Amino acid sequence: MIIKNKWSKEKAWEWYNDHPWIRGCNYMSADCVNRIDQWQALHFEETLKTTEEELKLMQELGFNSVRLILEYVVWKEEHDSFLERFERYIALCHKYGISCMIVLANDCMPPKTELWKMPYIGEQSYDIGYHGGRKHSQHGAHNCPAPHYYLDDEESAEDYFKMVTEIVTLYKDDERILMWDVFNEPGNSQRSGITLPILKRMFETVRAVNPSQPITAAAWCCNKNYVFDMPEDVFAIENSDIITYHNYGRYEEHIRVIKYLKQFDRPLINTEWLARCTGNTVFDNFPLFYLENIGCYNWGFVAGKYQTYEAHNSLWDWYYRDKNAEIDLTKWFHDLYRPSYRPYDPKETDLIKRFCDLADDDFKKINKERK
């Protein structure tokens, strides 16, 4: 099923070629525990100061875009002030030449256990030494589908879609918004099938607004043959103007996944990558993305309270099951910079700078030839 008003391939390529090579990160400032912390009023002035310092660093590195996931509970509880903060946030990104890909929904959910609780506004707690700042995160064991706090409930779902319509309508022609990513990893947390009708409605809702920016949702779960065959992934690929995808695999897996996705003849952007513990490295993948003209957003920037430099709980479990597993737990999982703003590995950031400079030179030459 293809939702009405999907861009033609020609329009998608025209849009993509009008932009310099898209490269950046999934972003949250180092002093934020989670996305509630990122968007809520509490501590926002302090975190925005941190954000500005990190955006300066991002600009120096050569990145030109960030991927930002919204948080419904903040929109719901602090509606008017949230919209003001959102505007200030994207304006600050724009000041440093950073565009924003906005993610409207998310299926990376923690399992429902006795420790599970609804998201809440206010001071956010976190555990030291755990990926995502939680001992019991979405990256642990799921014995059953995780609850989506709002989209599974009919009443709150209606309100959620009001948020989507409002934000997309407000920014539908704003050049500071690069793309609308309607759903992060739909079907994750054992929600495949449950999320499919929600994903369809999300595409329909955003298409109805008819934004000038492209619409996408990332395929994220390829099978052993490097094919995205989960229903949510198939639907996402069929309905995306620009095809986005996630891959935390090794170099060869990237090559095979890229080969598969090229058959759709649309621009490609990898919106999640970098997992050093499992062999997904800057040295292999950043030059590959440049060479193949594939946009890319690694996960994380400056190591902080969210602690995505720590390995997933599932990787620790894997290692304890199999001591011969190809996992190196001495390495950071995500993130490029230490809290001091020194690189985790200066050889990584030097390489990133070189290829960003190459890409900008390419774009200048292309624009000169057009004139």
Protein backbone atom coordinates (compact mmCIF):
# COMPACT_ATOMS: atom_id res chain seq x y z
CA MET A 1 0.00 0.00 0.00
CA ILE A 2 1.46 3.36 -1.07
CA ILE A 3 0.08 6.49 0.55
CA LYS A 4 -1.02 9.24 -1.82
CA ASN A 5 1.40 12.07 -2.73
CA LYS A 6 4.66 10.14 -2.47
CA TRP A 7 7.43 11.97 -4.31
CA SER A 8 8.53 10.73 -7.70
CA LYS A 9 12.07 9.38 -8.02
CA GLU A 10 12.97 12.42 -10.12
CA LYS A 11 11.79 14.84 -7.43
CA ALA A 12 13.62 12.88 -4.72
CA TRP A 13 16.92 12.99 -6.62
CA GLU A 14 16.51 16.66 -7.47
CA TRP A 15 16.02 17.46 -3.78
CA TYR A 16 18.96 15.28 -2.73
CA ASN A 17 21.36 16.70 -5.32
CA ASP A 18 20.47 20.25 -4.30
CA HIS A 19 22.01 19.57 -0.87
CA PRO A 20 25.64 19.03 0.08
CA TRP A 21 26.46 15.54 1.33
CA ILE A 22 24.30 15.05 4.42
CA ARG A 23 26.28 13.97 7.46
CA GLY A 24 25.66 14.37 11.16
CA CYS A 25 24.52 12.55 14.25
CA ASN A 26 21.56 11.55 16.37
CA TYR A 27 21.85 14.30 18.91
CA MET A 28 21.22 15.03 22.56
CA SER A 29 23.47 17.32 24.61
CA ALA A 30 25.75 15.60 27.11
CA ASP A 31 23.92 17.00 30.14
CA CYS A 32 20.57 15.43 29.16
CA VAL A 33 19.47 12.17 30.74
CA ASN A 34 16.88 11.47 28.04
CA ARG A 35 14.64 13.22 25.51
CA ILE A 36 12.34 14.56 28.22
CA ASP A 37 15.40 16.32 29.62
CA GLN A 38 16.21 17.56 26.13
CA TRP A 39 12.86 19.29 25.57
CA GLN A 40 11.28 20.11 28.94
CA ALA A 41 11.41 23.51 30.68
CA LEU A 42 13.39 22.23 33.67
CA HIS A 43 17.11 23.02 33.14
CA PHE A 44 16.45 24.01 29.51
CA GLU A 45 18.46 27.23 29.67
CA GLU A 46 21.46 25.34 31.02
CA THR A 47 21.17 22.53 28.49
CA LEU A 48 20.77 24.99 25.62
CA LYS A 49 24.11 26.55 26.60
CA THR A 50 25.66 23.08 26.45
CA THR A 51 23.96 22.47 23.11
CA GLU A 52 25.49 25.65 21.69
CA GLU A 53 29.00 24.61 22.72
CA GLU A 54 28.49 21.18 21.17
CA LEU A 55 27.05 22.65 17.96
CA LYS A 56 30.20 24.75 17.63
CA LEU A 57 32.21 21.54 17.91
CA MET A 58 29.92 19.87 15.38
CA GLN A 59 30.43 22.71 12.92
CA GLU A 60 34.22 22.48 13.34
CA LEU A 61 34.05 18.74 12.66
CA GLY A 62 32.16 19.33 9.41
CA PHE A 63 28.75 17.92 10.29
CA ASN A 64 25.75 19.71 8.79
CA SER A 65 22.68 17.98 10.23
CA VAL A 66 21.22 16.42 13.38
CA ARG A 67 18.47 13.88 13.88
CA LEU A 68 16.17 14.84 16.77
CA ILE A 69 13.46 12.64 18.32
CA LEU A 70 10.49 14.48 19.83
CA GLU A 71 8.89 13.59 23.18
CA TYR A 72 5.08 13.64 23.33
CA VAL A 73 4.79 14.02 27.11
CA VAL A 74 6.61 17.37 26.95
CA TRP A 75 4.31 18.62 24.16
CA LYS A 76 1.30 17.47 26.17
CA GLU A 77 2.27 18.88 29.58
CA GLU A 78 4.10 22.04 28.48
CA HIS A 79 2.53 22.73 25.11
CA ASP A 80 3.05 26.47 24.57
CA SER A 81 6.48 26.70 26.14
CA PHE A 82 7.58 23.51 24.35
CA LEU A 83 6.79 25.08 20.98
CA GLU A 84 8.87 28.12 21.98
CA ARG A 85 11.77 25.89 23.04
CA PHE A 86 11.54 23.83 19.86
CA GLU A 87 11.83 27.02 17.79
CA ARG A 88 14.82 28.19 19.79
CA TYR A 89 16.48 24.78 19.37
CA ILE A 90 16.21 24.61 15.59
CA ALA A 91 17.16 28.30 15.33
CA LEU A 92 20.34 27.57 17.30
CA CYS A 93 21.14 24.62 15.04
CA HIS A 94 20.62 26.83 12.00
CA LYS A 95 23.00 29.44 13.45
CA TYR A 96 25.78 26.86 13.14
CA GLY A 97 24.78 25.56 9.72
CA ILE A 98 23.07 22.46 11.11
CA SER A 99 19.75 21.30 9.63
CA CYS A 100 17.30 19.14 11.60
CA MET A 101 15.71 15.81 10.73
CA ILE A 102 12.69 15.54 13.04
CA VAL A 103 11.50 12.12 14.26
CA LEU A 104 7.82 12.06 15.21
CA ALA A 105 7.36 8.66 16.89
CA ASN A 106 9.51 5.87 18.29
CA ASP A 107 9.26 2.12 18.94
CA CYS A 108 12.47 1.74 20.98
CA MET A 109 10.60 1.03 24.21
CA PRO A 110 11.66 -0.64 27.48
CA PRO A 111 9.97 -3.92 28.41
CA LYS A 112 7.05 -3.66 30.83
CA THR A 113 8.34 -5.01 34.14
CA GLU A 114 7.70 -4.16 37.77
CA LEU A 115 10.17 -1.29 37.28
CA TRP A 116 8.31 0.13 34.28
CA LYS A 117 6.75 3.57 34.67
CA MET A 118 5.10 6.12 32.43
CA PRO A 119 7.29 9.00 31.20
CA TYR A 120 6.97 12.06 33.40
CA ILE A 121 7.94 15.73 33.41
CA GLY A 122 10.48 16.80 36.02
CA GLU A 123 13.85 15.71 37.35
CA GLN A 124 15.01 12.63 35.44
CA SER A 125 17.02 9.89 37.15
CA TYR A 126 19.64 7.68 35.53
CA ASP A 127 21.90 4.74 36.37
CA ILE A 128 25.67 4.99 36.09
CA GLY A 129 27.32 2.67 33.59
CA TYR A 130 24.32 1.72 31.43
CA HIS A 131 23.57 2.42 27.78
CA GLY A 132 20.69 4.90 27.64
CA GLY A 133 21.12 5.64 31.35
CA ARG A 134 18.87 2.75 32.42
CA LYS A 135 19.60 -0.71 33.83
CA HIS A 136 16.34 -1.91 32.30
CA SER A 137 16.39 -0.23 28.89
CA GLN A 138 14.85 -1.11 25.53
CA HIS A 139 18.07 -2.97 24.74
CA GLY A 140 17.45 -5.66 27.34
CA ALA A 141 15.26 -8.75 27.08
CA HIS A 142 11.68 -8.40 25.80
CA ASN A 143 9.50 -11.33 26.79
CA CYS A 144 6.46 -9.70 25.18
CA PRO A 145 5.72 -6.61 23.07
CA ALA A 146 6.62 -3.38 24.84
CA PRO A 147 3.78 -0.92 25.43
CA HIS A 148 3.81 2.27 23.42
CA TYR A 149 2.87 4.69 26.16
CA TYR A 150 0.49 6.74 24.03
CA LEU A 151 -0.09 5.30 20.57
CA ASP A 152 -1.64 2.06 21.87
CA ASP A 153 -4.39 3.96 23.71
CA GLU A 154 -7.18 5.28 21.48
CA GLU A 155 -7.72 8.53 23.37
CA SER A 156 -4.08 9.49 23.79
CA ALA A 157 -3.33 8.38 20.23
CA GLU A 158 -5.75 11.01 18.92
CA ASP A 159 -3.90 13.62 20.93
CA TYR A 160 -0.55 12.31 19.69
CA PHE A 161 -1.63 12.76 16.08
CA LYS A 162 -2.70 16.31 16.92
CA MET A 163 0.90 16.94 17.95
CA VAL A 164 2.18 15.50 14.67
CA THR A 165 -0.20 17.60 12.59
CA GLU A 166 0.55 20.76 14.54
CA ILE A 167 4.34 20.53 14.35
CA VAL A 168 4.50 19.48 10.71
CA THR A 169 2.02 22.24 9.77
CA LEU A 170 4.04 24.89 11.60
CA TYR A 171 7.28 23.90 9.86
CA LYS A 172 6.05 22.44 6.56
CA ASP A 173 7.93 25.03 4.48
CA ASP A 174 10.81 25.79 6.85
CA GLU A 175 14.21 25.18 5.26
CA ARG A 176 15.76 24.57 8.68
CA ILE A 177 13.86 21.26 8.79
CA LEU A 178 15.62 18.86 6.44
CA MET A 179 13.20 15.91 6.58
CA TRP A 180 10.32 14.39 8.52
CA ASP A 181 11.17 10.93 9.88
CA VAL A 182 7.71 9.71 10.85
CA PHE A 183 8.72 6.74 13.01
CA ASN A 184 11.95 5.50 14.58
CA GLU A 185 12.39 1.73 14.15
CA PRO A 186 8.70 0.84 13.72
CA GLY A 187 8.08 -2.70 14.94
CA ASN A 188 11.03 -2.78 17.35
CA SER A 189 10.59 -3.99 20.95
CA GLN A 190 8.61 -6.98 19.62
CA ARG A 191 5.93 -4.67 18.21
CA SER A 192 5.96 -5.92 14.61
CA GLY A 193 2.36 -6.11 13.40
CA ILE A 194 1.12 -3.99 16.29
CA THR A 195 2.78 -0.88 14.91
CA LEU A 196 1.98 -1.40 11.21
CA PRO A 197 -1.46 0.31 11.26
CA ILE A 198 -0.02 3.13 13.40
CA LEU A 199 2.82 3.57 10.90
CA LYS A 200 0.31 3.77 8.05
CA ARG A 201 -1.66 6.43 9.86
CA MET A 202 1.53 8.36 10.61
CA PHE A 203 2.40 8.51 6.93
CA GLU A 204 -1.18 9.49 6.05
CA THR A 205 -1.19 12.25 8.66
CA VAL A 206 2.06 13.82 7.50
CA ARG A 207 1.19 13.42 3.81
CA ALA A 208 -2.11 15.22 4.44
CA VAL A 209 -0.17 18.30 5.57
CA ASN A 210 1.86 18.11 2.33
CA PRO A 211 5.18 19.50 3.62
CA SER A 212 7.81 20.77 1.22
CA GLN A 213 10.38 18.52 2.92
CA PRO A 214 10.66 14.80 2.13
CA ILE A 215 9.03 12.18 4.35
CA THR A 216 10.68 8.94 5.44
CA ALA A 217 10.80 6.13 7.98
CA ALA A 218 13.90 4.00 8.35
CA ALA A 219 14.05 0.30 7.59
CA TRP A 220 16.07 -1.15 10.45
CA CYS A 221 15.82 -4.97 10.69
CA CYS A 222 17.40 -6.83 7.79
CA ASN A 223 17.36 -10.63 7.69
CA LYS A 224 20.35 -12.95 7.20
CA ASN A 225 20.10 -12.34 3.44
CA TYR A 226 20.42 -8.58 4.00
CA VAL A 227 16.81 -7.96 3.00
CA PHE A 228 14.37 -5.79 4.96
CA ASP A 229 11.33 -8.05 4.98
CA MET A 230 9.55 -7.14 8.23
CA PRO A 231 6.10 -5.65 7.38
CA GLU A 232 6.92 -2.27 8.91
CA ASP A 233 10.22 -2.10 7.00
CA VAL A 234 8.58 -3.03 3.70
CA PHE A 235 5.91 -0.36 4.21
CA ALA A 236 8.51 2.24 5.21
CA ILE A 237 10.62 1.64 2.08
CA GLU A 238 7.54 1.68 -0.17
CA ASN A 239 6.33 5.02 1.22
CA SER A 240 9.53 6.99 1.83
CA ASP A 241 10.50 9.82 -0.51
CA ILE A 242 14.15 9.39 0.49
CA ILE A 243 14.98 5.87 1.69
CA THR A 244 16.50 5.83 5.17
CA TYR A 245 17.82 2.81 7.00
CA HIS A 246 19.74 1.69 10.09
CA ASN A 247 22.71 -0.64 10.13
CA TYR A 248 25.05 -1.40 13.02
CA GLY A 249 26.73 -4.29 11.23
CA ARG A 250 30.26 -4.72 9.93
CA TYR A 251 31.62 -3.35 6.65
CA GLU A 252 30.56 -6.31 4.49
CA GLU A 253 27.00 -6.15 5.83
CA HIS A 254 26.86 -2.46 4.92
CA ILE A 255 27.94 -3.28 1.37
CA ARG A 256 25.27 -5.96 1.00
CA VAL A 257 22.52 -3.79 2.51
CA ILE A 258 23.46 -0.89 0.23
CA LYS A 259 23.38 -3.19 -2.77
CA TYR A 260 19.87 -4.33 -1.82
CA LEU A 261 18.55 -0.79 -1.25
CA LYS A 262 19.99 0.60 -4.48
CA GLN A 263 17.41 -1.37 -6.44
CA PHE A 264 14.77 1.17 -5.39
CA ASP A 265 16.65 3.92 -7.27
CA ARG A 266 16.16 6.58 -4.61
CA PRO A 267 18.64 8.55 -2.51
CA LEU A 268 19.81 6.69 0.59
CA ILE A 269 20.55 7.98 4.09
CA ASN A 270 21.75 5.79 6.95
CA THR A 271 20.19 7.44 10.00
CA GLU A 272 21.80 5.18 12.62
CA TRP A 273 25.25 3.63 12.58
CA LEU A 274 28.48 3.32 14.67
CA ALA A 275 28.88 0.40 17.06
CA ARG A 276 32.58 -0.02 17.68
CA CYS A 277 32.09 -2.98 20.04
CA THR A 278 30.72 -5.08 17.18
CA GLY A 279 33.05 -3.86 14.43
CA ASN A 280 30.95 -1.01 13.00
CA THR A 281 33.64 1.67 12.80
CA VAL A 282 34.23 5.21 11.61
CA PHE A 283 37.25 4.07 9.61
CA ASP A 284 35.25 1.58 7.54
CA ASN A 285 31.89 3.24 7.18
CA PHE A 286 32.35 7.01 6.95
CA PRO A 287 34.48 6.78 3.76
CA LEU A 288 32.01 4.22 2.38
CA PHE A 289 29.07 6.59 2.88
CA TYR A 290 31.04 9.37 1.19
CA LEU A 291 32.04 7.19 -1.76
CA GLU A 292 28.50 5.91 -2.29
CA ASN A 293 26.94 9.39 -1.75
CA ILE A 294 24.85 8.06 1.14
CA GLY A 295 23.88 10.49 3.88
CA CYS A 296 24.75 9.35 7.39
CA TYR A 297 23.93 10.06 11.02
CA ASN A 298 25.96 8.17 13.62
CA TRP A 299 24.43 7.72 17.06
CA GLY A 300 25.67 10.18 19.68
CA PHE A 301 28.12 13.06 19.82
CA VAL A 302 29.55 14.02 23.23
CA ALA A 303 29.57 11.33 25.93
CA GLY A 304 27.25 12.29 28.77
CA LYS A 305 24.45 11.27 31.09
CA TYR A 306 22.68 9.21 28.40
CA GLN A 307 25.79 7.01 28.30
CA THR A 308 25.48 5.64 24.80
CA TYR A 309 29.24 5.08 24.82
CA GLU A 310 28.37 2.07 27.00
CA ALA A 311 27.45 -1.20 25.28
CA HIS A 312 23.84 -2.40 25.17
CA ASN A 313 22.85 -4.76 27.97
CA SER A 314 22.17 -7.33 25.26
CA LEU A 315 25.85 -7.25 24.24
CA TRP A 316 26.96 -8.01 27.77
CA ASP A 317 24.45 -10.87 27.87
CA TRP A 318 25.78 -12.15 24.53
CA TYR A 319 29.37 -12.06 25.79
CA TYR A 320 28.51 -14.00 28.96
CA ARG A 321 26.73 -16.64 26.86
CA ASP A 322 29.61 -16.91 24.41
CA LYS A 323 33.07 -15.75 25.46
CA ASN A 324 34.22 -16.24 21.84
CA ALA A 325 31.68 -13.76 20.47
CA GLU A 326 33.12 -11.08 18.17
CA ILE A 327 32.56 -8.28 20.68
CA ASP A 328 35.16 -5.86 21.99
CA LEU A 329 33.81 -4.41 25.22
CA THR A 330 36.93 -2.32 25.74
CA LYS A 331 35.70 0.10 23.06
CA TRP A 332 33.05 2.79 23.23
CA PHE A 333 29.82 1.77 21.54
CA HIS A 334 28.66 5.18 20.22
CA ASP A 335 29.69 8.87 20.62
CA LEU A 336 32.62 10.76 19.11
CA TYR A 337 33.82 13.10 21.86
CA ARG A 338 34.75 12.86 25.52
CA PRO A 339 33.13 15.19 28.12
CA SER A 340 36.29 17.34 27.82
CA TYR A 341 35.42 17.85 24.10
CA ARG A 342 38.54 15.94 23.17
CA PRO A 343 37.90 13.21 20.61
CA TYR A 344 37.40 9.64 21.77
CA ASP A 345 39.90 8.81 19.02
CA PRO A 346 41.46 11.81 17.21
CA LYS A 347 42.22 9.61 14.22
CA GLU A 348 38.46 9.12 13.79
CA THR A 349 37.64 12.82 13.90
CA ASP A 350 40.58 13.68 11.64
CA LEU A 351 39.21 11.23 9.06
CA ILE A 352 35.69 12.66 9.39
CA LYS A 353 37.00 16.20 8.82
CA ARG A 354 38.93 15.13 5.72
CA PHE A 355 35.93 13.51 4.08
CA CYS A 356 33.60 16.38 5.03
CA ASP A 357 36.04 18.75 3.34
CA LEU A 358 36.15 16.50 0.27
CA ALA A 359 32.36 16.47 0.09
CA ASP A 360 32.11 20.25 0.38
CA ASP A 361 34.70 20.67 -2.39
CA ASP A 362 32.66 18.27 -4.55
CA PHE A 363 29.49 20.28 -3.96
CA LYS A 364 31.20 23.58 -4.81
CA LYS A 365 32.49 22.14 -8.09
CA ILE A 366 29.06 20.79 -9.00
CA ASN A 367 27.41 24.15 -8.30
CA LYS A 368 30.09 25.96 -10.32
CA GLU A 369 29.47 23.62 -13.28
CA ARG A 370 25.71 24.22 -13.03
CA LYS A 371 26.27 27.95 -13.38
